[in-house]
Amino acid sequence: MGMTAAALLPAFVHGLYTKGRPNKRAAVCSIAVGTSSYLFWALFINKSSSVFLPICKMLTGDAVLFSGPIQYCDALIVSLPLSIAAFLIVMAIDRYCGSRKMQPAEAE
């Protein structure tokens, strides 16, 4: 459920609460960043998930990559802000590039 929230929530909220046209590239980038960051954190950093799915143990020999309090942080806490940031950055880049294309060419 956390991976679904990290992947789809930013695009869903944008489509639900904005009047503008949805940005497809921002949504795809947000889904990719949310899914990949959630999977990495759940499989290699979060102790409860990585013990349940021992991929990190098979690859590195340890249950988690980093010890300390970071291993108890849930993957959604990290992946949802990354997904939101990716959505906003790609949307801003598209808006900036789109506004530059619409400006008339300067006369020489």
PDB file of N, CA and C in Angstrom:
ATOM      1  N   MET A   1       0.820  -1.197   0.000  1.00  0.00           N
ATOM      2  CA  MET A   1       0.000   0.000   0.000  1.00  0.00           C
ATOM      3  C   MET A   1       0.862   1.258   0.000  1.00  0.00           C
ATOM      4  N   GLY A   2       1.995   1.192   0.675  1.00  0.00           N
ATOM      5  CA  GLY A   2       2.875   2.353   0.731  1.00  0.00           C
ATOM      6  C   GLY A   2       3.467   2.683  -0.622  1.00  0.00           C
ATOM      7  N   MET A   3       3.837   1.659  -1.380  1.00  0.00           N
ATOM      8  CA  MET A   3       4.392   1.908  -2.704  1.00  0.00           C
ATOM      9  C   MET A   3       3.346   2.522  -3.625  1.00  0.00           C
ATOM     10  N   THR A   4       2.124   2.090  -3.514  1.00  0.00           N
ATOM     11  CA  THR A   4       1.048   2.670  -4.310  1.00  0.00           C
ATOM     12  C   THR A   4       0.841   4.131  -3.956  1.00  0.00           C
ATOM     13  N   ALA A   5       0.878   4.450  -2.673  1.00  0.00           N
ATOM     14  CA  ALA A   5       0.723   5.845  -2.244  1.00  0.00           C
ATOM     15  C   ALA A   5       1.884   6.694  -2.731  1.00  0.00           C
ATOM     16  N   ALA A   6       3.106   6.188  -2.613  1.00  0.00           N
ATOM     17  CA  ALA A   6       4.269   6.959  -3.039  1.00  0.00           C
ATOM     18  C   ALA A   6       4.271   7.175  -4.548  1.00  0.00           C
ATOM     19  N   ALA A   7       3.783   6.209  -5.294  1.00  0.00           N
ATOM     20  CA  ALA A   7       3.809   6.319  -6.746  1.00  0.00           C
ATOM     21  C   ALA A   7       2.675   7.174  -7.295  1.00  0.00           C
ATOM     22  N   LEU A   8       1.481   7.004  -6.781  1.00  0.00           N
ATOM     23  CA  LEU A   8       0.312   7.610  -7.422  1.00  0.00           C
ATOM     24  C   LEU A   8      -0.262   8.843  -6.725  1.00  0.00           C
ATOM     25  N   LEU A   9       0.038   9.046  -5.464  1.00  0.00           N
ATOM     26  CA  LEU A   9      -0.607  10.129  -4.717  1.00  0.00           C
ATOM     27  C   LEU A   9      -0.304  11.532  -5.256  1.00  0.00           C
ATOM     28  N   PRO A  10       0.935  11.889  -5.607  1.00  0.00           N
ATOM     29  CA  PRO A  10       1.166  13.246  -6.120  1.00  0.00           C
ATOM     30  C   PRO A  10       0.391  13.540  -7.406  1.00  0.00           C
ATOM     31  N   ALA A  11       0.379  12.622  -8.348  1.00  0.00           N
ATOM     32  CA  ALA A  11      -0.346  12.843  -9.594  1.00  0.00           C
ATOM     33  C   ALA A  11      -1.852  12.867  -9.360  1.00  0.00           C
ATOM     34  N   PHE A  12      -2.336  12.037  -8.461  1.00  0.00           N
ATOM     35  CA  PHE A  12      -3.768  12.009  -8.156  1.00  0.00           C
ATOM     36  C   PHE A  12      -4.216  13.313  -7.520  1.00  0.00           C
ATOM     37  N   VAL A  13      -3.456  13.814  -6.557  1.00  0.00           N
ATOM     38  CA  VAL A  13      -3.818  15.068  -5.896  1.00  0.00           C
ATOM     39  C   VAL A  13      -3.745  16.227  -6.880  1.00  0.00           C
ATOM     40  N   HIS A  14      -2.750  16.230  -7.737  1.00  0.00           N
ATOM     41  CA  HIS A  14      -2.656  17.295  -8.745  1.00  0.00           C
ATOM     42  C   HIS A  14      -3.852  17.268  -9.690  1.00  0.00           C
ATOM     43  N   GLY A  15      -4.204  16.092 -10.159  1.00  0.00           N
ATOM     44  CA  GLY A  15      -5.353  15.984 -11.059  1.00  0.00           C
ATOM     45  C   GLY A  15      -6.667  16.300 -10.389  1.00  0.00           C
ATOM     46  N   LEU A  16      -6.755  16.058  -9.091  1.00  0.00           N
ATOM     47  CA  LEU A  16      -7.997  16.269  -8.365  1.00  0.00           C
ATOM     48  C   LEU A  16      -8.225  17.735  -7.995  1.00  0.00           C
ATOM     49  N   TYR A  17      -7.157  18.439  -7.639  1.00  0.00           N
ATOM     50  CA  TYR A  17      -7.325  19.767  -7.072  1.00  0.00           C
ATOM     51  C   TYR A  17      -6.839  20.923  -7.933  1.00  0.00           C
ATOM     52  N   THR A  18      -6.354  20.685  -9.128  1.00  0.00           N
ATOM     53  CA  THR A  18      -5.941  21.797  -9.975  1.00  0.00           C
ATOM     54  C   THR A  18      -6.898  21.956 -11.139  1.00  0.00           C
ATOM     55  N   LYS A  19      -6.961  23.181 -11.637  1.00  0.00           N
ATOM     56  CA  LYS A  19      -7.843  23.447 -12.762  1.00  0.00           C
ATOM     57  C   LYS A  19      -7.132  23.279 -14.092  1.00  0.00           C
ATOM     58  N   GLY A  20      -5.819  23.278 -14.041  1.00  0.00           N
ATOM     59  CA  GLY A  20      -5.035  23.155 -15.268  1.00  0.00           C
ATOM     60  C   GLY A  20      -5.035  21.749 -15.820  1.00  0.00           C
ATOM     61  N   ARG A  21      -4.406  21.641 -16.956  1.00  0.00           N
ATOM     62  CA  ARG A  21      -4.303  20.350 -17.627  1.00  0.00           C
ATOM     63  C   ARG A  21      -3.262  19.483 -16.915  1.00  0.00           C
ATOM     64  N   PRO A  22      -3.536  18.214 -16.705  1.00  0.00           N
ATOM     65  CA  PRO A  22      -2.556  17.339 -16.048  1.00  0.00           C
ATOM     66  C   PRO A  22      -1.281  17.211 -16.878  1.00  0.00           C
ATOM     67  N   ASN A  23      -0.176  17.076 -16.196  1.00  0.00           N
ATOM     68  CA  ASN A  23       1.122  16.974 -16.840  1.00  0.00           C
ATOM     69  C   ASN A  23       1.544  15.504 -16.859  1.00  0.00           C
ATOM     70  N   LYS A  24       1.553  14.903 -18.046  1.00  0.00           N
ATOM     71  CA  LYS A  24       1.827  13.472 -18.172  1.00  0.00           C
ATOM     72  C   LYS A  24       3.279  13.137 -17.834  1.00  0.00           C
ATOM     73  N   ARG A  25       4.219  13.941 -18.297  1.00  0.00           N
ATOM     74  CA  ARG A  25       5.628  13.654 -18.019  1.00  0.00           C
ATOM     75  C   ARG A  25       5.940  13.762 -16.536  1.00  0.00           C
ATOM     76  N   ALA A  26       5.343  14.727 -15.855  1.00  0.00           N
ATOM     77  CA  ALA A  26       5.561  14.865 -14.411  1.00  0.00           C
ATOM     78  C   ALA A  26       4.968  13.671 -13.668  1.00  0.00           C
ATOM     79  N   ALA A  27       3.816  13.204 -14.106  1.00  0.00           N
ATOM     80  CA  ALA A  27       3.187  12.056 -13.455  1.00  0.00           C
ATOM     81  C   ALA A  27       4.016  10.791 -13.650  1.00  0.00           C
ATOM     82  N   VAL A  28       4.533  10.574 -14.846  1.00  0.00           N
ATOM     83  CA  VAL A  28       5.346   9.382 -15.116  1.00  0.00           C
ATOM     84  C   VAL A  28       6.644   9.437 -14.314  1.00  0.00           C
ATOM     85  N   CYS A  29       7.272  10.607 -14.244  1.00  0.00           N
ATOM     86  CA  CYS A  29       8.501  10.749 -13.463  1.00  0.00           C
ATOM     87  C   CYS A  29       8.228  10.533 -11.975  1.00  0.00           C
ATOM     88  N   SER A  30       7.125  11.046 -11.495  1.00  0.00           N
ATOM     89  CA  SER A  30       6.750  10.872 -10.092  1.00  0.00           C
ATOM     90  C   SER A  30       6.504   9.401  -9.765  1.00  0.00           C
ATOM     91  N   ILE A  31       5.853   8.698 -10.656  1.00  0.00           N
ATOM     92  CA  ILE A  31       5.598   7.270 -10.450  1.00  0.00           C
ATOM     93  C   ILE A  31       6.910   6.492 -10.431  1.00  0.00           C
ATOM     94  N   ALA A  32       7.815   6.814 -11.342  1.00  0.00           N
ATOM     95  CA  ALA A  32       9.105   6.110 -11.397  1.00  0.00           C
ATOM     96  C   ALA A  32       9.942   6.377 -10.153  1.00  0.00           C
ATOM     97  N   VAL A  33      10.019   7.632  -9.725  1.00  0.00           N
ATOM     98  CA  VAL A  33      10.814   7.973  -8.542  1.00  0.00           C
ATOM     99  C   VAL A  33      10.189   7.391  -7.285  1.00  0.00           C
ATOM    100  N   GLY A  34       8.878   7.488  -7.145  1.00  0.00           N
ATOM    101  CA  GLY A  34       8.205   6.946  -5.967  1.00  0.00           C
ATOM    102  C   GLY A  34       8.355   5.445  -5.837  1.00  0.00           C
ATOM    103  N   THR A  35       8.187   4.740  -6.936  1.00  0.00           N
ATOM    104  CA  THR A  35       8.298   3.285  -6.911  1.00  0.00           C
ATOM    105  C   THR A  35       9.732   2.826  -6.640  1.00  0.00           C
ATOM    106  N   SER A  36      10.684   3.412  -7.352  1.00  0.00           N
ATOM    107  CA  SER A  36      12.069   2.978  -7.183  1.00  0.00           C
ATOM    108  C   SER A  36      12.622   3.328  -5.804  1.00  0.00           C
ATOM    109  N   SER A  37      12.302   4.514  -5.300  1.00  0.00           N
ATOM    110  CA  SER A  37      12.799   4.878  -3.965  1.00  0.00           C
ATOM    111  C   SER A  37      12.139   4.028  -2.880  1.00  0.00           C
ATOM    112  N   TYR A  38      10.861   3.717  -3.036  1.00  0.00           N
ATOM    113  CA  TYR A  38      10.191   2.869  -2.056  1.00  0.00           C
ATOM    114  C   TYR A  38      10.792   1.463  -2.051  1.00  0.00           C
ATOM    115  N   LEU A  39      10.998   0.902  -3.232  1.00  0.00           N
ATOM    116  CA  LEU A  39      11.562  -0.447  -3.302  1.00  0.00           C
ATOM    117  C   LEU A  39      12.975  -0.495  -2.729  1.00  0.00           C
ATOM    118  N   PHE A  40      13.803   0.496  -3.065  1.00  0.00           N
ATOM    119  CA  PHE A  40      15.160   0.514  -2.526  1.00  0.00           C
ATOM    120  C   PHE A  40      15.144   0.616  -1.012  1.00  0.00           C
ATOM    121  N   TRP A  41      14.336   1.533  -0.489  1.00  0.00           N
ATOM    122  CA  TRP A  41      14.307   1.727   0.968  1.00  0.00           C
ATOM    123  C   TRP A  41      13.743   0.496   1.671  1.00  0.00           C
ATOM    124  N   ALA A  42      12.691  -0.081   1.130  1.00  0.00           N
ATOM    125  CA  ALA A  42      12.075  -1.239   1.779  1.00  0.00           C
ATOM    126  C   ALA A  42      12.966  -2.479   1.712  1.00  0.00           C
ATOM    127  N   LEU A  43      13.693  -2.655   0.633  1.00  0.00           N
ATOM    128  CA  LEU A  43      14.493  -3.867   0.474  1.00  0.00           C
ATOM    129  C   LEU A  43      15.897  -3.775   1.062  1.00  0.00           C
ATOM    130  N   PHE A  44      16.423  -2.559   1.218  1.00  0.00           N
ATOM    131  CA  PHE A  44      17.806  -2.438   1.661  1.00  0.00           C
ATOM    132  C   PHE A  44      18.011  -1.623   2.939  1.00  0.00           C
ATOM    133  N   ILE A  45      17.068  -0.789   3.342  1.00  0.00           N
ATOM    134  CA  ILE A  45      17.278   0.091   4.489  1.00  0.00           C
ATOM    135  C   ILE A  45      16.361  -0.268   5.657  1.00  0.00           C
ATOM    136  N   ASN A  46      15.064  -0.399   5.421  1.00  0.00           N
ATOM    137  CA  ASN A  46      14.094  -0.668   6.478  1.00  0.00           C
ATOM    138  C   ASN A  46      14.269  -2.093   7.002  1.00  0.00           C
ATOM    139  N   LYS A  47      14.507  -2.206   8.293  1.00  0.00           N
ATOM    140  CA  LYS A  47      14.824  -3.512   8.875  1.00  0.00           C
ATOM    141  C   LYS A  47      13.652  -4.483   8.806  1.00  0.00           C
ATOM    142  N   SER A  48      12.447  -4.012   9.072  1.00  0.00           N
ATOM    143  CA  SER A  48      11.311  -4.934   9.081  1.00  0.00           C
ATOM    144  C   SER A  48      11.006  -5.484   7.690  1.00  0.00           C
ATOM    145  N   SER A  49      11.147  -4.680   6.664  1.00  0.00           N
ATOM    146  CA  SER A  49      10.894  -5.161   5.301  1.00  0.00           C
ATOM    147  C   SER A  49      12.036  -6.001   4.766  1.00  0.00           C
ATOM    148  N   SER A  50      13.255  -5.584   5.053  1.00  0.00           N
ATOM    149  CA  SER A  50      14.392  -6.310   4.487  1.00  0.00           C
ATOM    150  C   SER A  50      14.617  -7.662   5.161  1.00  0.00           C
ATOM    151  N   VAL A  51      14.152  -7.823   6.389  1.00  0.00           N
ATOM    152  CA  VAL A  51      14.224  -9.137   7.035  1.00  0.00           C
ATOM    153  C   VAL A  51      13.159 -10.062   6.442  1.00  0.00           C
ATOM    154  N   PHE A  52      12.013  -9.495   6.117  1.00  0.00           N
ATOM    155  CA  PHE A  52      10.927 -10.275   5.529  1.00  0.00           C
ATOM    156  C   PHE A  52      11.274 -10.721   4.105  1.00  0.00           C
ATOM    157  N   LEU A  53      11.873  -9.820   3.326  1.00  0.00           N
ATOM    158  CA  LEU A  53      12.336 -10.133   1.970  1.00  0.00           C
ATOM    159  C   LEU A  53      13.859 -10.040   1.973  1.00  0.00           C
ATOM    160  N   PRO A  54      14.575 -11.133   2.149  1.00  0.00           N
ATOM    161  CA  PRO A  54      16.028 -11.078   2.418  1.00  0.00           C
ATOM    162  C   PRO A  54      16.914 -10.863   1.187  1.00  0.00           C
ATOM    163  N   ILE A  55      16.554  -9.936   0.326  1.00  0.00           N
ATOM    164  CA  ILE A  55      17.367  -9.646  -0.849  1.00  0.00           C
ATOM    165  C   ILE A  55      18.688  -9.004  -0.440  1.00  0.00           C
ATOM    166  N   CYS A  56      18.647  -8.077   0.512  1.00  0.00           N
ATOM    167  CA  CYS A  56      19.861  -7.420   0.978  1.00  0.00           C
ATOM    168  C   CYS A  56      20.807  -8.431   1.631  1.00  0.00           C
ATOM    169  N   LYS A  57      20.262  -9.359   2.385  1.00  0.00           N
ATOM    170  CA  LYS A  57      21.088 -10.379   3.042  1.00  0.00           C
ATOM    171  C   LYS A  57      21.756 -11.289   2.012  1.00  0.00           C
ATOM    172  N   MET A  58      21.036 -11.608   0.943  1.00  0.00           N
ATOM    173  CA  MET A  58      21.621 -12.453  -0.097  1.00  0.00           C
ATOM    174  C   MET A  58      22.731 -11.719  -0.855  1.00  0.00           C
ATOM    175  N   LEU A  59      22.566 -10.399  -1.068  1.00  0.00           N
ATOM    176  CA  LEU A  59      23.553  -9.655  -1.840  1.00  0.00           C
ATOM    177  C   LEU A  59      24.747  -9.198  -1.012  1.00  0.00           C
ATOM    178  N   THR A  60      24.497  -8.736   0.214  1.00  0.00           N
ATOM    179  CA  THR A  60      25.569  -8.135   1.014  1.00  0.00           C
ATOM    180  C   THR A  60      25.984  -8.964   2.218  1.00  0.00           C
ATOM    181  N   GLY A  61      25.152  -9.860   2.672  1.00  0.00           N
ATOM    182  CA  GLY A  61      25.446 -10.631   3.869  1.00  0.00           C
ATOM    183  C   GLY A  61      24.869 -10.021   5.135  1.00  0.00           C
ATOM    184  N   ASP A  62      24.433  -8.784   5.079  1.00  0.00           N
ATOM    185  CA  ASP A  62      23.797  -8.110   6.219  1.00  0.00           C
ATOM    186  C   ASP A  62      22.315  -7.936   5.935  1.00  0.00           C
ATOM    187  N   ALA A  63      21.533  -7.843   7.006  1.00  0.00           N
ATOM    188  CA  ALA A  63      20.083  -7.686   6.833  1.00  0.00           C
ATOM    189  C   ALA A  63      19.731  -6.314   6.270  1.00  0.00           C
ATOM    190  N   VAL A  64      20.498  -5.274   6.650  1.00  0.00           N
ATOM    191  CA  VAL A  64      20.266  -3.910   6.157  1.00  0.00           C
ATOM    192  C   VAL A  64      21.604  -3.285   5.771  1.00  0.00           C
ATOM    193  N   LEU A  65      21.563  -2.252   4.931  1.00  0.00           N
ATOM    194  CA  LEU A  65      22.793  -1.591   4.517  1.00  0.00           C
ATOM    195  C   LEU A  65      23.359  -0.680   5.605  1.00  0.00           C
ATOM    196  N   PHE A  66      22.485   0.046   6.315  1.00  0.00           N
ATOM    197  CA  PHE A  66      22.911   0.998   7.329  1.00  0.00           C
ATOM    198  C   PHE A  66      22.314   0.628   8.673  1.00  0.00           C
ATOM    199  N   SER A  67      23.127   0.627   9.694  1.00  0.00           N
ATOM    200  CA  SER A  67      22.605   0.376  11.035  1.00  0.00           C
ATOM    201  C   SER A  67      22.315   1.710  11.705  1.00  0.00           C
ATOM    202  N   GLY A  68      21.647   1.649  12.821  1.00  0.00           N
ATOM    203  CA  GLY A  68      21.293   2.863  13.544  1.00  0.00           C
ATOM    204  C   GLY A  68      19.805   3.142  13.454  1.00  0.00           C
ATOM    205  N   PRO A  69      19.403   4.329  13.868  1.00  0.00           N
ATOM    206  CA  PRO A  69      17.966   4.629  13.894  1.00  0.00           C
ATOM    207  C   PRO A  69      17.330   4.754  12.516  1.00  0.00           C
ATOM    208  N   ILE A  70      18.136   4.947  11.471  1.00  0.00           N
ATOM    209  CA  ILE A  70      17.570   5.091  10.130  1.00  0.00           C
ATOM    210  C   ILE A  70      16.915   3.799   9.652  1.00  0.00           C
ATOM    211  N   GLN A  71      17.317   2.660  10.189  1.00  0.00           N
ATOM    212  CA  GLN A  71      16.752   1.387   9.741  1.00  0.00           C
ATOM    213  C   GLN A  71      15.314   1.186  10.209  1.00  0.00           C
ATOM    214  N   TYR A  72      14.844   2.023  11.109  1.00  0.00           N
ATOM    215  CA  TYR A  72      13.459   1.909  11.588  1.00  0.00           C
ATOM    216  C   TYR A  72      12.517   2.892  10.904  1.00  0.00           C
ATOM    217  N   CYS A  73      13.034   3.713  10.016  1.00  0.00           N
ATOM    218  CA  CYS A  73      12.214   4.685   9.281  1.00  0.00           C
ATOM    219  C   CYS A  73      11.465   3.960   8.164  1.00  0.00           C
ATOM    220  N   ASP A  74      10.173   4.202   8.082  1.00  0.00           N
ATOM    221  CA  ASP A  74       9.361   3.546   7.063  1.00  0.00           C
ATOM    222  C   ASP A  74       9.705   4.091   5.676  1.00  0.00           C
ATOM    223  N   ALA A  75       9.551   3.275   4.674  1.00  0.00           N
ATOM    224  CA  ALA A  75       9.900   3.660   3.311  1.00  0.00           C
ATOM    225  C   ALA A  75       8.999   4.769   2.777  1.00  0.00           C
ATOM    226  N   LEU A  76       7.764   4.838   3.222  1.00  0.00           N
ATOM    227  CA  LEU A  76       6.850   5.868   2.746  1.00  0.00           C
ATOM    228  C   LEU A  76       7.286   7.259   3.194  1.00  0.00           C
ATOM    229  N   ILE A  77       7.910   7.356   4.358  1.00  0.00           N
ATOM    230  CA  ILE A  77       8.368   8.643   4.876  1.00  0.00           C
ATOM    231  C   ILE A  77       9.435   9.235   3.952  1.00  0.00           C
ATOM    232  N   VAL A  78      10.193   8.412   3.295  1.00  0.00           N
ATOM    233  CA  VAL A  78      11.248   8.881   2.398  1.00  0.00           C
ATOM    234  C   VAL A  78      10.741   9.007   0.966  1.00  0.00           C
ATOM    235  N   SER A  79      10.000   8.034   0.491  1.00  0.00           N
ATOM    236  CA  SER A  79       9.646   7.990  -0.923  1.00  0.00           C
ATOM    237  C   SER A  79       8.536   8.969  -1.318  1.00  0.00           C
ATOM    238  N   LEU A  80       7.609   9.263  -0.438  1.00  0.00           N
ATOM    239  CA  LEU A  80       6.543  10.198  -0.804  1.00  0.00           C
ATOM    240  C   LEU A  80       7.068  11.616  -1.022  1.00  0.00           C
ATOM    241  N   PRO A  81       7.911  12.174  -0.143  1.00  0.00           N
ATOM    242  CA  PRO A  81       8.472  13.499  -0.456  1.00  0.00           C
ATOM    243  C   PRO A  81       9.345  13.511  -1.713  1.00  0.00           C
ATOM    244  N   LEU A  82      10.077  12.430  -1.970  1.00  0.00           N
ATOM    245  CA  LEU A  82      10.868  12.363  -3.203  1.00  0.00           C
ATOM    246  C   LEU A  82       9.970  12.361  -4.433  1.00  0.00           C
ATOM    247  N   SER A  83       8.865  11.644  -4.356  1.00  0.00           N
ATOM    248  CA  SER A  83       7.919  11.583  -5.461  1.00  0.00           C
ATOM    249  C   SER A  83       7.258  12.940  -5.701  1.00  0.00           C
ATOM    250  N   ILE A  84       6.902  13.617  -4.631  1.00  0.00           N
ATOM    251  CA  ILE A  84       6.311  14.953  -4.754  1.00  0.00           C
ATOM    252  C   ILE A  84       7.318  15.927  -5.351  1.00  0.00           C
ATOM    253  N   ALA A  85       8.555  15.869  -4.882  1.00  0.00           N
ATOM    254  CA  ALA A  85       9.598  16.762  -5.398  1.00  0.00           C
ATOM    255  C   ALA A  85       9.850  16.504  -6.882  1.00  0.00           C
ATOM    256  N   ALA A  86       9.891  15.248  -7.289  1.00  0.00           N
ATOM    257  CA  ALA A  86      10.099  14.918  -8.703  1.00  0.00           C
ATOM    258  C   ALA A  86       8.951  15.450  -9.547  1.00  0.00           C
ATOM    259  N   PHE A  87       7.726  15.308  -9.063  1.00  0.00           N
ATOM    260  CA  PHE A  87       6.559  15.807  -9.789  1.00  0.00           C
ATOM    261  C   PHE A  87       6.641  17.312  -9.973  1.00  0.00           C
ATOM    262  N   LEU A  88       6.957  18.029  -8.898  1.00  0.00           N
ATOM    263  CA  LEU A  88       7.012  19.491  -8.964  1.00  0.00           C
ATOM    264  C   LEU A  88       8.165  19.981  -9.836  1.00  0.00           C
ATOM    265  N   ILE A  89       9.303  19.327  -9.767  1.00  0.00           N
ATOM    266  CA  ILE A  89      10.457  19.743 -10.569  1.00  0.00           C
ATOM    267  C   ILE A  89      10.193  19.548 -12.058  1.00  0.00           C
ATOM    268  N   VAL A  90       9.673  18.391 -12.431  1.00  0.00           N
ATOM    269  CA  VAL A  90       9.390  18.137 -13.857  1.00  0.00           C
ATOM    270  C   VAL A  90       8.278  19.054 -14.348  1.00  0.00           C
ATOM    271  N   MET A  91       7.285  19.324 -13.528  1.00  0.00           N
ATOM    272  CA  MET A  91       6.218  20.236 -13.919  1.00  0.00           C
ATOM    273  C   MET A  91       6.766  21.652 -14.116  1.00  0.00           C
ATOM    274  N   ALA A  92       7.667  22.086 -13.245  1.00  0.00           N
ATOM    275  CA  ALA A  92       8.261  23.418 -13.378  1.00  0.00           C
ATOM    276  C   ALA A  92       9.149  23.500 -14.622  1.00  0.00           C
ATOM    277  N   ILE A  93       9.900  22.445 -14.892  1.00  0.00           N
ATOM    278  CA  ILE A  93      10.751  22.432 -16.091  1.00  0.00           C
ATOM    279  C   ILE A  93       9.893  22.482 -17.352  1.00  0.00           C
ATOM    280  N   ASP A  94       8.830  21.701 -17.388  1.00  0.00           N
ATOM    281  CA  ASP A  94       7.931  21.725 -18.553  1.00  0.00           C
ATOM    282  C   ASP A  94       7.280  23.088 -18.726  1.00  0.00           C
ATOM    283  N   ARG A  95       6.894  23.704 -17.631  1.00  0.00           N
ATOM    284  CA  ARG A  95       6.270  25.026 -17.695  1.00  0.00           C
ATOM    285  C   ARG A  95       7.272  26.068 -18.199  1.00  0.00           C
ATOM    286  N   TYR A  96       8.515  25.973 -17.726  1.00  0.00           N
ATOM    287  CA  TYR A  96       9.542  26.917 -18.152  1.00  0.00           C
ATOM    288  C   TYR A  96       9.876  26.733 -19.628  1.00  0.00           C
ATOM    289  N   CYS A  97      10.036  25.506 -20.059  1.00  0.00           N
ATOM    290  CA  CYS A  97      10.341  25.241 -21.473  1.00  0.00           C
ATOM    291  C   CYS A  97       9.169  25.608 -22.373  1.00  0.00           C
ATOM    292  N   GLY A  98       7.961  25.387 -21.901  1.00  0.00           N
ATOM    293  CA  GLY A  98       6.780  25.744 -22.675  1.00  0.00           C
ATOM    294  C   GLY A  98       6.618  27.242 -22.817  1.00  0.00           C
ATOM    295  N   SER A  99       6.950  28.005 -21.781  1.00  0.00           N
ATOM    296  CA  SER A  99       6.831  29.460 -21.864  1.00  0.00           C
ATOM    297  C   SER A  99       7.915  30.039 -22.762  1.00  0.00           C
ATOM    298  N   ARG A 100       9.079  29.405 -22.832  1.00  0.00           N
ATOM    299  CA  ARG A 100      10.136  29.879 -23.720  1.00  0.00           C
ATOM    300  C   ARG A 100       9.786  29.624 -25.173  1.00  0.00           C
ATOM    301  N   LYS A 101       9.067  28.548 -25.461  1.00  0.00           N
ATOM    302  CA  LYS A 101       8.689  28.250 -26.848  1.00  0.00           C
ATOM    303  C   LYS A 101       7.611  29.199 -27.343  1.00  0.00           C
ATOM    304  N   MET A 102       6.768  29.692 -26.443  1.00  0.00           N
ATOM    305  CA  MET A 102       5.649  30.542 -26.845  1.00  0.00           C
ATOM    306  C   MET A 102       6.072  31.988 -27.060  1.00  0.00           C
ATOM    307  N   GLN A 103       7.223  32.409 -26.562  1.00  0.00           N
ATOM    308  CA  GLN A 103       7.660  33.777 -26.751  1.00  0.00           C
ATOM    309  C   GLN A 103       8.052  34.000 -28.204  1.00  0.00           C
ATOM    310  N   PRO A 104       7.703  35.156 -28.748  1.00  0.00           N
ATOM    311  CA  PRO A 104       8.071  35.419 -30.138  1.00  0.00           C
ATOM    312  C   PRO A 104       9.587  35.583 -30.264  1.00  0.00           C
ATOM    313  N   ALA A 105      10.092  35.226 -31.412  1.00  0.00           N
ATOM    314  CA  ALA A 105      11.527  35.342 -31.654  1.00  0.00           C
ATOM    315  C   ALA A 105      11.926  36.801 -31.667  1.00  0.00           C
ATOM    316  N   GLU A 106      13.093  37.095 -31.138  1.00  0.00           N
ATOM    317  CA  GLU A 106      13.564  38.477 -31.091  1.00  0.00           C
ATOM    318  C   GLU A 106      13.984  38.925 -32.479  1.00  0.00           C
ATOM    319  N   ALA A 107      13.601  40.149 -32.803  1.00  0.00           N
ATOM    320  CA  ALA A 107      13.977  40.709 -34.105  1.00  0.00           C
ATOM    321  C   ALA A 107      15.445  41.106 -34.084  1.00  0.00           C
ATOM    322  N   GLU A 108      16.118  40.835 -35.162  1.00  0.00           N
ATOM    323  CA  GLU A 108      17.545  41.172 -35.230  1.00  0.00           C
ATOM    324  C   GLU A 108      17.751  42.486 -35.898  1.00  0.00           C
TER     325      GLU A 108
END
